[in-house]
Amino acid sequence: MSLTPVHLAHGGASLNIIGVPDDARLGAQGLADSSMGLAAAGAGALAGVVVGVSGYGVLMVVVGAGVLTTAGYLLLDRTGRRAVTA
């Protein structure tokens, strides 16, 4: 079985609520879903503005910087020490 984006999304949703008591699970999942939806809508709107003003090249640089920053943070968090990033 391969990991598709659908499988990964279900795994992430499960991790969101793993430490939440049963009586609060529905509200916590709703808050997580709403937050992710609003973040996606905001990112889409911002991407449209960046492309409209500066073009796809600038959008690529902005997204690349975000990916590298996230990867560096995850490496730092996983190892417990500073990661060397280029």
N, C-alpha and C. Protein backbone atom coordinates (compact mmCIF):
# COMPACT_ATOMS: atom_id res chain seq x y z
N MET A 1 0.84 -1.18 0.00
CA MET A 1 0.00 0.00 0.00
C MET A 1 0.89 1.24 0.00
N SER A 2 0.61 2.16 -0.90
CA SER A 2 1.41 3.37 -0.98
C SER A 2 0.77 4.47 -0.14
N LEU A 3 1.60 5.43 0.21
CA LEU A 3 1.10 6.57 0.97
C LEU A 3 0.68 7.66 0.00
N THR A 4 -0.59 7.91 -0.09
CA THR A 4 -1.11 8.99 -0.92
C THR A 4 -1.43 10.17 -0.01
N PRO A 5 -1.65 11.35 -0.60
CA PRO A 5 -2.01 12.49 0.25
C PRO A 5 -3.22 12.23 1.14
N VAL A 6 -4.16 11.41 0.66
CA VAL A 6 -5.34 11.10 1.48
C VAL A 6 -4.92 10.32 2.72
N HIS A 7 -4.04 9.33 2.56
CA HIS A 7 -3.57 8.55 3.71
C HIS A 7 -2.82 9.45 4.69
N LEU A 8 -1.98 10.33 4.16
CA LEU A 8 -1.21 11.22 5.03
C LEU A 8 -2.13 12.18 5.78
N ALA A 9 -3.18 12.66 5.12
CA ALA A 9 -4.11 13.58 5.78
C ALA A 9 -4.84 12.89 6.92
N HIS A 10 -5.26 11.66 6.71
CA HIS A 10 -5.95 10.94 7.78
C HIS A 10 -5.01 10.68 8.96
N GLY A 11 -3.76 10.40 8.69
CA GLY A 11 -2.79 10.20 9.77
C GLY A 11 -2.57 11.47 10.57
N GLY A 12 -2.49 12.61 9.88
CA GLY A 12 -2.31 13.87 10.56
C GLY A 12 -3.52 14.24 11.40
N ALA A 13 -4.71 13.96 10.89
CA ALA A 13 -5.92 14.24 11.65
C ALA A 13 -5.98 13.39 12.91
N SER A 14 -5.52 12.17 12.83
CA SER A 14 -5.50 11.30 14.01
C SER A 14 -4.53 11.82 15.05
N LEU A 15 -3.40 12.33 14.60
CA LEU A 15 -2.41 12.85 15.55
C LEU A 15 -2.90 14.12 16.24
N ASN A 16 -3.75 14.89 15.57
CA ASN A 16 -4.28 16.12 16.17
C ASN A 16 -5.08 15.84 17.43
N ILE A 17 -5.78 14.73 17.48
CA ILE A 17 -6.72 14.49 18.57
C ILE A 17 -6.29 13.36 19.50
N ILE A 18 -5.09 12.85 19.33
CA ILE A 18 -4.67 11.67 20.09
C ILE A 18 -4.62 11.94 21.60
N GLY A 19 -4.29 13.16 22.01
CA GLY A 19 -4.18 13.44 23.44
C GLY A 19 -5.38 14.16 24.02
N VAL A 20 -6.47 14.22 23.27
CA VAL A 20 -7.66 14.95 23.72
C VAL A 20 -8.65 13.98 24.35
N PRO A 21 -9.22 14.33 25.50
CA PRO A 21 -10.22 13.45 26.11
C PRO A 21 -11.42 13.23 25.18
N ASP A 22 -12.08 12.10 25.33
CA ASP A 22 -13.18 11.73 24.44
C ASP A 22 -14.29 12.77 24.38
N ASP A 23 -14.61 13.38 25.52
CA ASP A 23 -15.72 14.34 25.53
C ASP A 23 -15.39 15.65 24.83
N ALA A 24 -14.12 15.95 24.61
CA ALA A 24 -13.72 17.18 23.94
C ALA A 24 -13.20 16.93 22.53
N ARG A 25 -13.20 15.69 22.09
CA ARG A 25 -12.59 15.33 20.81
C ARG A 25 -13.28 15.98 19.61
N LEU A 26 -14.59 16.02 19.60
CA LEU A 26 -15.32 16.58 18.48
C LEU A 26 -15.00 18.07 18.30
N GLY A 27 -15.01 18.80 19.39
CA GLY A 27 -14.68 20.22 19.32
C GLY A 27 -13.24 20.47 18.90
N ALA A 28 -12.33 19.66 19.40
CA ALA A 28 -10.92 19.82 19.05
C ALA A 28 -10.70 19.53 17.57
N GLN A 29 -11.35 18.49 17.05
CA GLN A 29 -11.21 18.17 15.63
C GLN A 29 -11.82 19.26 14.76
N GLY A 30 -12.96 19.79 15.19
CA GLY A 30 -13.58 20.88 14.44
C GLY A 30 -12.71 22.12 14.41
N LEU A 31 -12.10 22.45 15.54
CA LEU A 31 -11.20 23.60 15.60
C LEU A 31 -9.98 23.38 14.71
N ALA A 32 -9.42 22.18 14.74
CA ALA A 32 -8.26 21.88 13.90
C ALA A 32 -8.62 21.97 12.42
N ASP A 33 -9.76 21.41 12.03
CA ASP A 33 -10.19 21.46 10.63
C ASP A 33 -10.46 22.89 10.18
N SER A 34 -11.12 23.67 11.03
CA SER A 34 -11.40 25.07 10.69
C SER A 34 -10.12 25.88 10.55
N SER A 35 -9.18 25.65 11.46
CA SER A 35 -7.91 26.37 11.41
C SER A 35 -7.14 26.04 10.13
N MET A 36 -7.11 24.76 9.77
CA MET A 36 -6.40 24.37 8.55
C MET A 36 -7.09 24.94 7.31
N GLY A 37 -8.42 24.95 7.31
CA GLY A 37 -9.15 25.51 6.18
C GLY A 37 -8.92 27.00 6.03
N LEU A 38 -8.95 27.73 7.14
CA LEU A 38 -8.70 29.17 7.09
C LEU A 38 -7.27 29.48 6.67
N ALA A 39 -6.32 28.68 7.15
CA ALA A 39 -4.93 28.87 6.74
C ALA A 39 -4.76 28.64 5.24
N ALA A 40 -5.42 27.62 4.72
CA ALA A 40 -5.34 27.34 3.28
C ALA A 40 -5.98 28.47 2.47
N ALA A 41 -7.11 28.97 2.92
CA ALA A 41 -7.77 30.07 2.22
C ALA A 41 -6.91 31.33 2.23
N GLY A 42 -6.32 31.62 3.38
CA GLY A 42 -5.44 32.78 3.47
C GLY A 42 -4.21 32.65 2.61
N ALA A 43 -3.62 31.46 2.60
CA ALA A 43 -2.43 31.23 1.77
C ALA A 43 -2.77 31.33 0.29
N GLY A 44 -3.93 30.83 -0.10
CA GLY A 44 -4.34 30.93 -1.50
C GLY A 44 -4.55 32.38 -1.92
N ALA A 45 -5.18 33.16 -1.06
CA ALA A 45 -5.40 34.58 -1.36
C ALA A 45 -4.08 35.33 -1.44
N LEU A 46 -3.19 35.06 -0.50
CA LEU A 46 -1.88 35.71 -0.51
C LEU A 46 -1.06 35.31 -1.73
N ALA A 47 -1.14 34.04 -2.11
CA ALA A 47 -0.42 33.58 -3.30
C ALA A 47 -0.94 34.30 -4.55
N GLY A 48 -2.23 34.51 -4.61
CA GLY A 48 -2.80 35.23 -5.75
C GLY A 48 -2.28 36.66 -5.84
N VAL A 49 -2.16 37.32 -4.70
CA VAL A 49 -1.63 38.68 -4.67
C VAL A 49 -0.17 38.70 -5.10
N VAL A 50 0.63 37.77 -4.57
CA VAL A 50 2.06 37.71 -4.92
C VAL A 50 2.23 37.46 -6.41
N VAL A 51 1.48 36.52 -6.97
CA VAL A 51 1.58 36.22 -8.41
C VAL A 51 1.11 37.42 -9.22
N GLY A 52 0.05 38.07 -8.80
CA GLY A 52 -0.46 39.22 -9.53
C GLY A 52 0.50 40.39 -9.54
N VAL A 53 1.21 40.60 -8.45
CA VAL A 53 2.12 41.73 -8.34
C VAL A 53 3.51 41.41 -8.89
N SER A 54 4.03 40.22 -8.56
CA SER A 54 5.43 39.92 -8.86
C SER A 54 5.65 38.75 -9.79
N GLY A 55 4.71 37.86 -9.95
CA GLY A 55 4.87 36.71 -10.83
C GLY A 55 5.17 35.43 -10.08
N TYR A 56 5.19 34.33 -10.85
CA TYR A 56 5.38 33.01 -10.26
C TYR A 56 6.79 32.81 -9.70
N GLY A 57 7.78 33.46 -10.27
CA GLY A 57 9.16 33.32 -9.77
C GLY A 57 9.29 33.75 -8.32
N VAL A 58 8.69 34.88 -7.99
CA VAL A 58 8.74 35.37 -6.61
C VAL A 58 7.95 34.44 -5.69
N LEU A 59 6.81 33.95 -6.17
CA LEU A 59 6.04 33.00 -5.36
C LEU A 59 6.86 31.76 -5.07
N MET A 60 7.60 31.28 -6.07
CA MET A 60 8.45 30.10 -5.88
C MET A 60 9.51 30.36 -4.81
N VAL A 61 10.12 31.53 -4.83
CA VAL A 61 11.14 31.87 -3.84
C VAL A 61 10.53 31.95 -2.44
N VAL A 62 9.36 32.56 -2.33
CA VAL A 62 8.70 32.69 -1.02
C VAL A 62 8.33 31.31 -0.47
N VAL A 63 7.76 30.46 -1.32
CA VAL A 63 7.38 29.12 -0.87
C VAL A 63 8.62 28.30 -0.53
N GLY A 64 9.67 28.42 -1.35
CA GLY A 64 10.92 27.70 -1.06
C GLY A 64 11.52 28.11 0.27
N ALA A 65 11.47 29.41 0.58
CA ALA A 65 11.98 29.87 1.87
C ALA A 65 11.17 29.28 3.02
N GLY A 66 9.86 29.20 2.83
CA GLY A 66 9.02 28.59 3.86
C GLY A 66 9.31 27.12 4.06
N VAL A 67 9.52 26.41 2.96
CA VAL A 67 9.83 24.98 3.04
C VAL A 67 11.16 24.76 3.74
N LEU A 68 12.18 25.53 3.37
CA LEU A 68 13.50 25.37 4.00
C LEU A 68 13.46 25.74 5.48
N THR A 69 12.71 26.77 5.83
CA THR A 69 12.57 27.15 7.23
C THR A 69 11.89 26.04 8.03
N THR A 70 10.82 25.49 7.47
CA THR A 70 10.11 24.40 8.15
C THR A 70 10.99 23.17 8.29
N ALA A 71 11.73 22.83 7.23
CA ALA A 71 12.62 21.66 7.29
C ALA A 71 13.71 21.87 8.34
N GLY A 72 14.27 23.07 8.41
CA GLY A 72 15.28 23.35 9.42
C GLY A 72 14.73 23.25 10.82
N TYR A 73 13.52 23.75 11.02
CA TYR A 73 12.88 23.65 12.33
C TYR A 73 12.63 22.20 12.71
N LEU A 74 12.14 21.42 11.77
CA LEU A 74 11.87 20.01 12.06
C LEU A 74 13.15 19.25 12.38
N LEU A 75 14.22 19.55 11.67
CA LEU A 75 15.50 18.91 11.98
C LEU A 75 15.99 19.31 13.37
N LEU A 76 15.84 20.58 13.71
CA LEU A 76 16.25 21.06 15.02
C LEU A 76 15.41 20.40 16.11
N ASP A 77 14.12 20.31 15.88
CA ASP A 77 13.22 19.71 16.87
C ASP A 77 13.49 18.22 17.04
N ARG A 78 13.82 17.54 15.97
CA ARG A 78 14.03 16.09 16.03
C ARG A 78 15.34 15.74 16.73
N THR A 79 16.38 16.48 16.47
CA THR A 79 17.68 16.14 17.03
C THR A 79 17.94 16.81 18.37
N GLY A 80 17.20 17.86 18.68
CA GLY A 80 17.40 18.55 19.94
C GLY A 80 18.58 19.50 19.91
N ARG A 81 19.15 19.71 18.75
CA ARG A 81 20.25 20.66 18.62
C ARG A 81 20.09 21.40 17.30
N ARG A 82 20.91 22.38 17.11
CA ARG A 82 20.78 23.19 15.91
C ARG A 82 21.16 22.41 14.66
N ALA A 83 20.36 22.60 13.64
CA ALA A 83 20.64 21.96 12.36
C ALA A 83 21.43 22.93 11.50
N VAL A 84 22.34 22.42 10.73
CA VAL A 84 23.12 23.24 9.80
C VAL A 84 22.35 23.28 8.49
N THR A 85 21.90 24.49 8.11
CA THR A 85 21.18 24.65 6.85
C THR A 85 21.94 25.63 5.98
N ALA A 86 21.83 25.43 4.71
CA ALA A 86 22.54 26.29 3.76
C ALA A 86 21.75 27.53 3.47
